Amino acid sequence: DGLWHAIVGIPLSAEPGDQAVAVRYADATENRYTF
């Protein structure tokens, strides 16, 4: 649908609560998304 999506596998050992992924775009900018 014209958007990039990260499909993040969450291990069984993960604790409930906020987790984060680090993102680097093609123009070298970076971001951080939490879920």
Full PDB file with SEQRES, HELIX, SHEET, SSBOND, CRYST1, ORIGX, SCALE, CONECT and MASTER records, all heavy atoms in Angstrom:
SEQRES   1 A   35  ASP GLY LEU TRP HIS ALA ILE VAL GLY ILE PRO LEU SER          
SEQRES   2 A   35  ALA GLU PRO GLY ASP GLN ALA VAL ALA VAL ARG TYR ALA          
SEQRES   3 A   35  ASP ALA THR GLU ASN ARG TYR THR PHE                          
SHEET    1 AA1 2 ALA A  20  ARG A  24  0                                        
SHEET    2 AA1 2 GLU A  30  THR A  34 -1                                        
CRYST1    1.000    1.000    1.000  90.00  90.00  90.00 P 1           1          
ORIGX1      1.000000  0.000000  0.000000        0.00000                         
ORIGX2      0.000000  1.000000  0.000000        0.00000                         
ORIGX3      0.000000  0.000000  1.000000        0.00000                         
SCALE1      1.000000  0.000000  0.000000        0.00000                         
SCALE2      0.000000  1.000000  0.000000        0.00000                         
SCALE3      0.000000  0.000000  1.000000        0.00000                         
ATOM      1  N   ASP A   1       0.818  -1.219   0.000  1.00  0.00           N  
ATOM      2  CA  ASP A   1       0.000   0.000   0.000  1.00  0.00           C  
ATOM      3  C   ASP A   1       0.849   1.265   0.000  1.00  0.00           C  
ATOM      4  O   ASP A   1       0.475   2.282   0.586  1.00  0.00           O  
ATOM      5  CB  ASP A   1      -0.948   0.017   1.216  1.00  0.00           C  
ATOM      6  CG  ASP A   1      -1.966  -1.111   1.174  1.00  0.00           C  
ATOM      7  OD1 ASP A   1      -2.285  -1.582   0.068  1.00  0.00           O  
ATOM      8  OD2 ASP A   1      -2.442  -1.514   2.250  1.00  0.00           O  
ATOM      9  N   GLY A   2       2.034   1.199  -0.651  1.00  0.00           N  
ATOM     10  CA  GLY A   2       2.890   2.367  -0.741  1.00  0.00           C  
ATOM     11  C   GLY A   2       3.654   2.706   0.521  1.00  0.00           C  
ATOM     12  O   GLY A   2       4.243   3.782   0.621  1.00  0.00           O  
ATOM     13  N   LEU A   3       3.666   1.790   1.503  1.00  0.00           N  
ATOM     14  CA  LEU A   3       4.367   2.024   2.755  1.00  0.00           C  
ATOM     15  C   LEU A   3       5.302   0.863   3.048  1.00  0.00           C  
ATOM     16  O   LEU A   3       5.004  -0.296   2.735  1.00  0.00           O  
ATOM     17  CB  LEU A   3       3.375   2.165   3.919  1.00  0.00           C  
ATOM     18  CG  LEU A   3       2.391   3.328   3.893  1.00  0.00           C  
ATOM     19  CD1 LEU A   3       1.417   3.206   5.064  1.00  0.00           C  
ATOM     20  CD2 LEU A   3       3.134   4.658   3.974  1.00  0.00           C  
ATOM     21  N   TRP A   4       6.437   1.175   3.694  1.00  0.00           N  
ATOM     22  CA  TRP A   4       7.305   0.139   4.232  1.00  0.00           C  
ATOM     23  C   TRP A   4       6.775  -0.274   5.598  1.00  0.00           C  
ATOM     24  O   TRP A   4       6.299   0.554   6.375  1.00  0.00           O  
ATOM     25  CB  TRP A   4       8.735   0.647   4.377  1.00  0.00           C  
ATOM     26  CG  TRP A   4       9.445   0.887   3.086  1.00  0.00           C  
ATOM     27  CD1 TRP A   4       9.817   2.085   2.550  1.00  0.00           C  
ATOM     28  CD2 TRP A   4       9.871  -0.113   2.152  1.00  0.00           C  
ATOM     29  NE1 TRP A   4      10.441   1.901   1.348  1.00  0.00           N  
ATOM     30  CE2 TRP A   4      10.494   0.558   1.069  1.00  0.00           C  
ATOM     31  CE3 TRP A   4       9.793  -1.508   2.107  1.00  0.00           C  
ATOM     32  CZ2 TRP A   4      11.024  -0.112  -0.019  1.00  0.00           C  
ATOM     33  CZ3 TRP A   4      10.321  -2.181   1.022  1.00  0.00           C  
ATOM     34  CH2 TRP A   4      10.933  -1.486  -0.028  1.00  0.00           C  
ATOM     35  N   HIS A   5       6.883  -1.567   5.881  1.00  0.00           N  
ATOM     36  CA  HIS A   5       6.484  -2.098   7.187  1.00  0.00           C  
ATOM     37  C   HIS A   5       7.582  -3.005   7.712  1.00  0.00           C  
ATOM     38  O   HIS A   5       8.122  -3.830   6.963  1.00  0.00           O  
ATOM     39  CB  HIS A   5       5.183  -2.900   7.090  1.00  0.00           C  
ATOM     40  CG  HIS A   5       3.986  -2.092   6.738  1.00  0.00           C  
ATOM     41  ND1 HIS A   5       3.708  -1.694   5.449  1.00  0.00           N  
ATOM     42  CD2 HIS A   5       2.989  -1.603   7.512  1.00  0.00           C  
ATOM     43  CE1 HIS A   5       2.587  -0.995   5.431  1.00  0.00           C  
ATOM     44  NE2 HIS A   5       2.129  -0.929   6.674  1.00  0.00           N  
ATOM     45  N   ALA A   6       7.895  -2.877   8.993  1.00  0.00           N  
ATOM     46  CA  ALA A   6       8.788  -3.816   9.668  1.00  0.00           C  
ATOM     47  C   ALA A   6       7.935  -4.931  10.267  1.00  0.00           C  
ATOM     48  O   ALA A   6       6.923  -4.666  10.922  1.00  0.00           O  
ATOM     49  CB  ALA A   6       9.574  -3.110  10.764  1.00  0.00           C  
ATOM     50  N   ILE A   7       8.341  -6.176  10.023  1.00  0.00           N  
ATOM     51  CA  ILE A   7       7.657  -7.335  10.586  1.00  0.00           C  
ATOM     52  C   ILE A   7       8.589  -7.918  11.646  1.00  0.00           C  
ATOM     53  O   ILE A   7       9.562  -8.614  11.333  1.00  0.00           O  
ATOM     54  CB  ILE A   7       7.335  -8.390   9.511  1.00  0.00           C  
ATOM     55  CG1 ILE A   7       6.721  -7.732   8.270  1.00  0.00           C  
ATOM     56  CG2 ILE A   7       6.444  -9.468  10.075  1.00  0.00           C  
ATOM     57  CD1 ILE A   7       5.406  -7.034   8.526  1.00  0.00           C  
ATOM     58  N   VAL A   8       8.328  -7.616  12.893  1.00  0.00           N  
ATOM     59  CA  VAL A   8       9.256  -7.891  13.991  1.00  0.00           C  
ATOM     60  C   VAL A   8       8.854  -9.178  14.706  1.00  0.00           C  
ATOM     61  O   VAL A   8       7.738  -9.282  15.231  1.00  0.00           O  
ATOM     62  CB  VAL A   8       9.276  -6.727  14.998  1.00  0.00           C  
ATOM     63  CG1 VAL A   8      10.328  -6.974  16.077  1.00  0.00           C  
ATOM     64  CG2 VAL A   8       9.516  -5.401  14.297  1.00  0.00           C  
ATOM     65  N   GLY A   9       9.766 -10.147  14.735  1.00  0.00           N  
ATOM     66  CA  GLY A   9       9.543 -11.360  15.517  1.00  0.00           C  
ATOM     67  C   GLY A   9       9.870 -11.114  16.978  1.00  0.00           C  
ATOM     68  O   GLY A   9      10.943 -10.598  17.320  1.00  0.00           O  
ATOM     69  N   ILE A  10       8.942 -11.453  17.865  1.00  0.00           N  
ATOM     70  CA  ILE A  10       9.105 -11.223  19.300  1.00  0.00           C  
ATOM     71  C   ILE A  10       9.400 -12.561  19.974  1.00  0.00           C  
ATOM     72  O   ILE A  10       8.583 -13.478  19.898  1.00  0.00           O  
ATOM     73  CB  ILE A  10       7.833 -10.600  19.907  1.00  0.00           C  
ATOM     74  CG1 ILE A  10       7.459  -9.325  19.148  1.00  0.00           C  
ATOM     75  CG2 ILE A  10       8.029 -10.317  21.392  1.00  0.00           C  
ATOM     76  CD1 ILE A  10       6.086  -8.784  19.504  1.00  0.00           C  
ATOM     77  N   PRO A  11      10.544 -12.728  20.629  1.00  0.00           N  
ATOM     78  CA  PRO A  11      10.870 -14.025  21.230  1.00  0.00           C  
ATOM     79  C   PRO A  11       9.933 -14.375  22.379  1.00  0.00           C  
ATOM     80  O   PRO A  11       9.361 -13.490  23.034  1.00  0.00           O  
ATOM     81  CB  PRO A  11      12.314 -13.836  21.711  1.00  0.00           C  
ATOM     82  CG  PRO A  11      12.490 -12.359  21.856  1.00  0.00           C  
ATOM     83  CD  PRO A  11      11.607 -11.727  20.828  1.00  0.00           C  
ATOM     84  N   LEU A  12       9.778 -15.673  22.636  1.00  0.00           N  
ATOM     85  CA  LEU A  12       8.949 -16.124  23.749  1.00  0.00           C  
ATOM     86  C   LEU A  12       9.463 -15.601  25.089  1.00  0.00           C  
ATOM     87  O   LEU A  12       8.702 -15.455  26.038  1.00  0.00           O  
ATOM     88  CB  LEU A  12       8.908 -17.655  23.778  1.00  0.00           C  
ATOM     89  CG  LEU A  12       7.885 -18.325  22.866  1.00  0.00           C  
ATOM     90  CD1 LEU A  12       8.157 -19.821  22.768  1.00  0.00           C  
ATOM     91  CD2 LEU A  12       6.471 -18.070  23.359  1.00  0.00           C  
ATOM     92  N   SER A  13      10.749 -15.295  25.161  1.00  0.00           N  
ATOM     93  CA  SER A  13      11.344 -14.808  26.407  1.00  0.00           C  
ATOM     94  C   SER A  13      11.103 -13.319  26.651  1.00  0.00           C  
ATOM     95  O   SER A  13      11.468 -12.801  27.709  1.00  0.00           O  
ATOM     96  CB  SER A  13      12.853 -15.062  26.394  1.00  0.00           C  
ATOM     97  OG  SER A  13      13.462 -14.395  25.289  1.00  0.00           O  
ATOM     98  N   ALA A  14      10.489 -12.602  25.688  1.00  0.00           N  
ATOM     99  CA  ALA A  14      10.292 -11.157  25.831  1.00  0.00           C  
ATOM    100  C   ALA A  14       9.365 -10.842  27.002  1.00  0.00           C  
ATOM    101  O   ALA A  14       8.331 -11.490  27.187  1.00  0.00           O  
ATOM    102  CB  ALA A  14       9.727 -10.576  24.538  1.00  0.00           C  
ATOM    103  N   GLU A  15       9.726  -9.823  27.768  1.00  0.00           N  
ATOM    104  CA  GLU A  15       8.879  -9.366  28.864  1.00  0.00           C  
ATOM    105  C   GLU A  15       7.816  -8.411  28.332  1.00  0.00           C  
ATOM    106  O   GLU A  15       8.093  -7.603  27.439  1.00  0.00           O  
ATOM    107  CB  GLU A  15       9.721  -8.658  29.928  1.00  0.00           C  
ATOM    108  CG  GLU A  15      10.714  -9.550  30.654  1.00  0.00           C  
ATOM    109  CD  GLU A  15      10.024 -10.570  31.545  1.00  0.00           C  
ATOM    110  OE1 GLU A  15       8.878 -10.296  31.982  1.00  0.00           O  
ATOM    111  OE2 GLU A  15      10.619 -11.629  31.797  1.00  0.00           O  
ATOM    112  N   PRO A  16       6.585  -8.483  28.843  1.00  0.00           N  
ATOM    113  CA  PRO A  16       5.568  -7.505  28.438  1.00  0.00           C  
ATOM    114  C   PRO A  16       6.027  -6.082  28.740  1.00  0.00           C  
ATOM    115  O   PRO A  16       6.755  -5.831  29.698  1.00  0.00           O  
ATOM    116  CB  PRO A  16       4.353  -7.893  29.288  1.00  0.00           C  
ATOM    117  CG  PRO A  16       4.569  -9.339  29.632  1.00  0.00           C  
ATOM    118  CD  PRO A  16       6.057  -9.490  29.779  1.00  0.00           C  
ATOM    119  N   GLY A  17       5.614  -5.152  27.886  1.00  0.00           N  
ATOM    120  CA  GLY A  17       5.998  -3.757  28.049  1.00  0.00           C  
ATOM    121  C   GLY A  17       6.512  -3.178  26.748  1.00  0.00           C  
ATOM    122  O   GLY A  17       6.390  -3.779  25.687  1.00  0.00           O  
ATOM    123  N   ASP A  18       7.082  -1.988  26.827  1.00  0.00           N  
ATOM    124  CA  ASP A  18       7.560  -1.299  25.638  1.00  0.00           C  
ATOM    125  C   ASP A  18       8.849  -1.930  25.117  1.00  0.00           C  
ATOM    126  O   ASP A  18       9.769  -2.223  25.879  1.00  0.00           O  
ATOM    127  CB  ASP A  18       7.799   0.178  25.935  1.00  0.00           C  
ATOM    128  CG  ASP A  18       6.497   0.954  26.110  1.00  0.00           C  
ATOM    129  OD1 ASP A  18       5.440   0.418  25.719  1.00  0.00           O  
ATOM    130  OD2 ASP A  18       6.541   2.082  26.634  1.00  0.00           O  
ATOM    131  N   GLN A  19       8.889  -2.133  23.792  1.00  0.00           N  
ATOM    132  CA  GLN A  19      10.077  -2.592  23.089  1.00  0.00           C  
ATOM    133  C   GLN A  19      10.342  -1.594  21.965  1.00  0.00           C  
ATOM    134  O   GLN A  19       9.469  -0.795  21.621  1.00  0.00           O  
ATOM    135  CB  GLN A  19       9.859  -3.987  22.508  1.00  0.00           C  
ATOM    136  CG  GLN A  19       9.549  -5.056  23.545  1.00  0.00           C  
ATOM    137  CD  GLN A  19      10.784  -5.613  24.207  1.00  0.00           C  
ATOM    138  OE1 GLN A  19      11.876  -5.533  23.643  1.00  0.00           O  
ATOM    139  NE2 GLN A  19      10.636  -6.173  25.397  1.00  0.00           N  
ATOM    140  N   ALA A  20      11.534  -1.639  21.382  1.00  0.00           N  
ATOM    141  CA  ALA A  20      11.877  -0.656  20.358  1.00  0.00           C  
ATOM    142  C   ALA A  20      12.664  -1.292  19.235  1.00  0.00           C  
ATOM    143  O   ALA A  20      13.386  -2.279  19.433  1.00  0.00           O  
ATOM    144  CB  ALA A  20      12.683   0.490  20.972  1.00  0.00           C  
ATOM    145  N   VAL A  21      12.526  -0.725  18.042  1.00  0.00           N  
ATOM    146  CA  VAL A  21      13.366  -1.068  16.900  1.00  0.00           C  
ATOM    147  C   VAL A  21      14.073   0.197  16.438  1.00  0.00           C  
ATOM    148  O   VAL A  21      13.563   1.311  16.588  1.00  0.00           O  
ATOM    149  CB  VAL A  21      12.555  -1.674  15.734  1.00  0.00           C  
ATOM    150  CG1 VAL A  21      11.942  -3.001  16.145  1.00  0.00           C  
ATOM    151  CG2 VAL A  21      11.478  -0.717  15.239  1.00  0.00           C  
ATOM    152  N   ALA A  22      15.282   0.022  15.890  1.00  0.00           N  
ATOM    153  CA  ALA A  22      16.050   1.130  15.324  1.00  0.00           C  
ATOM    154  C   ALA A  22      15.943   1.060  13.803  1.00  0.00           C  
ATOM    155  O   ALA A  22      16.057  -0.017  13.220  1.00  0.00           O  
ATOM    156  CB  ALA A  22      17.502   1.057  15.763  1.00  0.00           C  
ATOM    157  N   VAL A  23      15.740   2.228  13.166  1.00  0.00           N  
ATOM    158  CA  VAL A  23      15.519   2.294  11.725  1.00  0.00           C  
ATOM    159  C   VAL A  23      16.522   3.248  11.102  1.00  0.00           C  
ATOM    160  O   VAL A  23      16.747   4.349  11.618  1.00  0.00           O  
ATOM    161  CB  VAL A  23      14.087   2.773  11.395  1.00  0.00           C  
ATOM    162  CG1 VAL A  23      13.852   2.766   9.898  1.00  0.00           C  
ATOM    163  CG2 VAL A  23      13.057   1.899  12.104  1.00  0.00           C  
ATOM    164  N   ARG A  24      17.123   2.807   9.996  1.00  0.00           N  
ATOM    165  CA  ARG A  24      18.001   3.678   9.210  1.00  0.00           C  
ATOM    166  C   ARG A  24      17.466   3.741   7.792  1.00  0.00           C  
ATOM    167  O   ARG A  24      17.292   2.722   7.136  1.00  0.00           O  
ATOM    168  CB  ARG A  24      19.434   3.155   9.200  1.00  0.00           C  
ATOM    169  CG  ARG A  24      20.380   4.025   8.359  1.00  0.00           C  
ATOM    170  CD  ARG A  24      21.789   3.482   8.410  1.00  0.00           C  
ATOM    171  NE  ARG A  24      22.315   3.511   9.774  1.00  0.00           N  
ATOM    172  CZ  ARG A  24      23.407   2.853  10.164  1.00  0.00           C  
ATOM    173  NH1 ARG A  24      24.062   2.097   9.299  1.00  0.00           N  
ATOM    174  NH2 ARG A  24      23.831   2.931  11.406  1.00  0.00           N  
ATOM    175  N   TYR A  25      17.187   4.973   7.321  1.00  0.00           N  
ATOM    176  CA  TYR A  25      16.608   5.166   5.994  1.00  0.00           C  
ATOM    177  C   TYR A  25      17.710   5.328   4.946  1.00  0.00           C  
ATOM    178  O   TYR A  25      18.881   5.518   5.273  1.00  0.00           O  
ATOM    179  CB  TYR A  25      15.682   6.380   6.008  1.00  0.00           C  
ATOM    180  CG  TYR A  25      14.441   6.157   6.851  1.00  0.00           C  
ATOM    181  CD1 TYR A  25      14.420   6.504   8.202  1.00  0.00           C  
ATOM    182  CD2 TYR A  25      13.299   5.585   6.304  1.00  0.00           C  
ATOM    183  CE1 TYR A  25      13.295   6.291   8.989  1.00  0.00           C  
ATOM    184  CE2 TYR A  25      12.162   5.380   7.075  1.00  0.00           C  
ATOM    185  CZ  TYR A  25      12.176   5.732   8.414  1.00  0.00           C  
ATOM    186  OH  TYR A  25      11.052   5.510   9.188  1.00  0.00           O  
ATOM    187  N   ALA A  26      17.298   5.272   3.686  1.00  0.00           N  
ATOM    188  CA  ALA A  26      18.259   5.328   2.585  1.00  0.00           C  
ATOM    189  C   ALA A  26      19.046   6.638   2.581  1.00  0.00           C  
ATOM    190  O   ALA A  26      20.185   6.681   2.098  1.00  0.00           O  
ATOM    191  CB  ALA A  26      17.543   5.131   1.258  1.00  0.00           C  
ATOM    192  N   ASP A  27      18.455   7.728   3.102  1.00  0.00           N  
ATOM    193  CA  ASP A  27      19.150   9.017   3.128  1.00  0.00           C  
ATOM    194  C   ASP A  27      20.028   9.177   4.362  1.00  0.00           C  
ATOM    195  O   ASP A  27      20.486  10.287   4.665  1.00  0.00           O  
ATOM    196  CB  ASP A  27      18.142  10.160   3.041  1.00  0.00           C  
ATOM    197  CG  ASP A  27      17.173  10.185   4.220  1.00  0.00           C  
ATOM    198  OD1 ASP A  27      17.298   9.327   5.122  1.00  0.00           O  
ATOM    199  OD2 ASP A  27      16.273  11.055   4.232  1.00  0.00           O  
ATOM    200  N   ALA A  28      20.247   8.073   5.092  1.00  0.00           N  
ATOM    201  CA  ALA A  28      21.115   8.023   6.268  1.00  0.00           C  
ATOM    202  C   ALA A  28      20.475   8.603   7.519  1.00  0.00           C  
ATOM    203  O   ALA A  28      21.109   8.624   8.585  1.00  0.00           O  
ATOM    204  CB  ALA A  28      22.467   8.696   6.019  1.00  0.00           C  
ATOM    205  N   THR A  29      19.228   9.080   7.446  1.00  0.00           N  
ATOM    206  CA  THR A  29      18.545   9.502   8.664  1.00  0.00           C  
ATOM    207  C   THR A  29      18.147   8.270   9.468  1.00  0.00           C  
ATOM    208  O   THR A  29      17.964   7.176   8.924  1.00  0.00           O  
ATOM    209  CB  THR A  29      17.299  10.339   8.339  1.00  0.00           C  
ATOM    210  OG1 THR A  29      16.402   9.566   7.539  1.00  0.00           O  
ATOM    211  CG2 THR A  29      17.673  11.615   7.616  1.00  0.00           C  
ATOM    212  N   GLU A  30      18.010   8.459  10.764  1.00  0.00           N  
ATOM    213  CA  GLU A  30      17.695   7.356  11.650  1.00  0.00           C  
ATOM    214  C   GLU A  30      16.479   7.691  12.491  1.00  0.00           C  
ATOM    215  O   GLU A  30      16.148   8.859  12.707  1.00  0.00           O  
ATOM    216  CB  GLU A  30      18.897   7.024  12.546  1.00  0.00           C  
ATOM    217  CG  GLU A  30      20.114   6.557  11.748  1.00  0.00           C  
ATOM    218  CD  GLU A  30      21.275   6.162  12.636  1.00  0.00           C  
ATOM    219  OE1 GLU A  30      21.157   6.324  13.874  1.00  0.00           O  
ATOM    220  OE2 GLU A  30      22.292   5.691  12.105  1.00  0.00           O  
ATOM    221  N   ASN A  31      15.822   6.659  12.967  1.00  0.00           N  
ATOM    222  CA  ASN A  31      14.630   6.824  13.782  1.00  0.00           C  
ATOM    223  C   ASN A  31      14.529   5.662  14.752  1.00  0.00           C  
ATOM    224  O   ASN A  31      15.269   4.669  14.630  1.00  0.00           O  
ATOM    225  CB  ASN A  31      13.380   6.895  12.896  1.00  0.00           C  
ATOM    226  CG  ASN A  31      12.239   7.624  13.580  1.00  0.00           C  
ATOM    227  OD1 ASN A  31      12.278   7.866  14.774  1.00  0.00           O  
ATOM    228  ND2 ASN A  31      11.228   7.980  12.804  1.00  0.00           N  
ATOM    229  N   ARG A  32      13.628   5.765  15.655  1.00  0.00           N  
ATOM    230  CA  ARG A  32      13.386   4.730  16.655  1.00  0.00           C  
ATOM    231  C   ARG A  32      11.880   4.615  16.843  1.00  0.00           C  
ATOM    232  O   ARG A  32      11.204   5.617  17.084  1.00  0.00           O  
ATOM    233  CB  ARG A  32      14.092   5.100  17.967  1.00  0.00           C  
ATOM    234  CG  ARG A  32      13.901   4.119  19.112  1.00  0.00           C  
ATOM    235  CD  ARG A  32      14.657   4.639  20.327  1.00  0.00           C  
ATOM    236  NE  ARG A  32      14.337   3.916  21.533  1.00  0.00           N  
ATOM    237  CZ  ARG A  32      14.975   2.806  21.926  1.00  0.00           C  
ATOM    238  NH1 ARG A  32      15.955   2.326  21.180  1.00  0.00           N  
ATOM    239  NH2 ARG A  32      14.635   2.199  23.048  1.00  0.00           N  
ATOM    240  N   TYR A  33      11.367   3.422  16.706  1.00  0.00           N  
ATOM    241  CA  TYR A  33       9.939   3.173  16.878  1.00  0.00           C  
ATOM    242  C   TYR A  33       9.737   2.233  18.062  1.00  0.00           C  
ATOM    243  O   TYR A  33      10.458   1.240  18.186  1.00  0.00           O  
ATOM    244  CB  TYR A  33       9.344   2.522  15.627  1.00  0.00           C  
ATOM    245  CG  TYR A  33       9.311   3.408  14.405  1.00  0.00           C  
ATOM    246  CD1 TYR A  33      10.458   3.606  13.636  1.00  0.00           C  
ATOM    247  CD2 TYR A  33       8.142   4.039  14.013  1.00  0.00           C  
ATOM    248  CE1 TYR A  33      10.435   4.411  12.511  1.00  0.00           C  
ATOM    249  CE2 TYR A  33       8.098   4.840  12.890  1.00  0.00           C  
ATOM    250  CZ  TYR A  33       9.251   5.027  12.146  1.00  0.00           C  
ATOM    251  OH  TYR A  33       9.226   5.826  11.024  1.00  0.00           O  
ATOM    252  N   THR A  34       8.801   2.533  18.899  1.00  0.00           N  
ATOM    253  CA  THR A  34       8.497   1.645  20.017  1.00  0.00           C  
ATOM    254  C   THR A  34       7.139   0.990  19.795  1.00  0.00           C  
ATOM    255  O   THR A  34       6.276   1.512  19.086  1.00  0.00           O  
ATOM    256  CB  THR A  34       8.497   2.383  21.368  1.00  0.00           C  
ATOM    257  OG1 THR A  34       7.445   3.334  21.390  1.00  0.00           O  
ATOM    258  CG2 THR A  34       9.831   3.075  21.608  1.00  0.00           C  
ATOM    259  N   PHE A  35       6.993  -0.187  20.364  1.00  0.00           N  
ATOM    260  CA  PHE A  35       5.723  -0.905  20.324  1.00  0.00           C  
ATOM    261  C   PHE A  35       5.563  -1.616  21.656  1.00  0.00           C  
ATOM    262  O   PHE A  35       6.545  -1.871  22.369  1.00  0.00           O  
ATOM    263  CB  PHE A  35       5.687  -1.903  19.156  1.00  0.00           C  
ATOM    264  CG  PHE A  35       6.756  -2.955  19.209  1.00  0.00           C  
ATOM    265  CD1 PHE A  35       6.493  -4.213  19.743  1.00  0.00           C  
ATOM    266  CD2 PHE A  35       8.035  -2.710  18.711  1.00  0.00           C  
ATOM    267  CE1 PHE A  35       7.478  -5.186  19.791  1.00  0.00           C  
ATOM    268  CE2 PHE A  35       9.021  -3.688  18.753  1.00  0.00           C  
ATOM    269  CZ  PHE A  35       8.746  -4.927  19.294  1.00  0.00           C  
TER     270      PHE A  35                                                      
MASTER        0    0    0    0    2    0    0    6  269    1    0    3          
END                                                                             
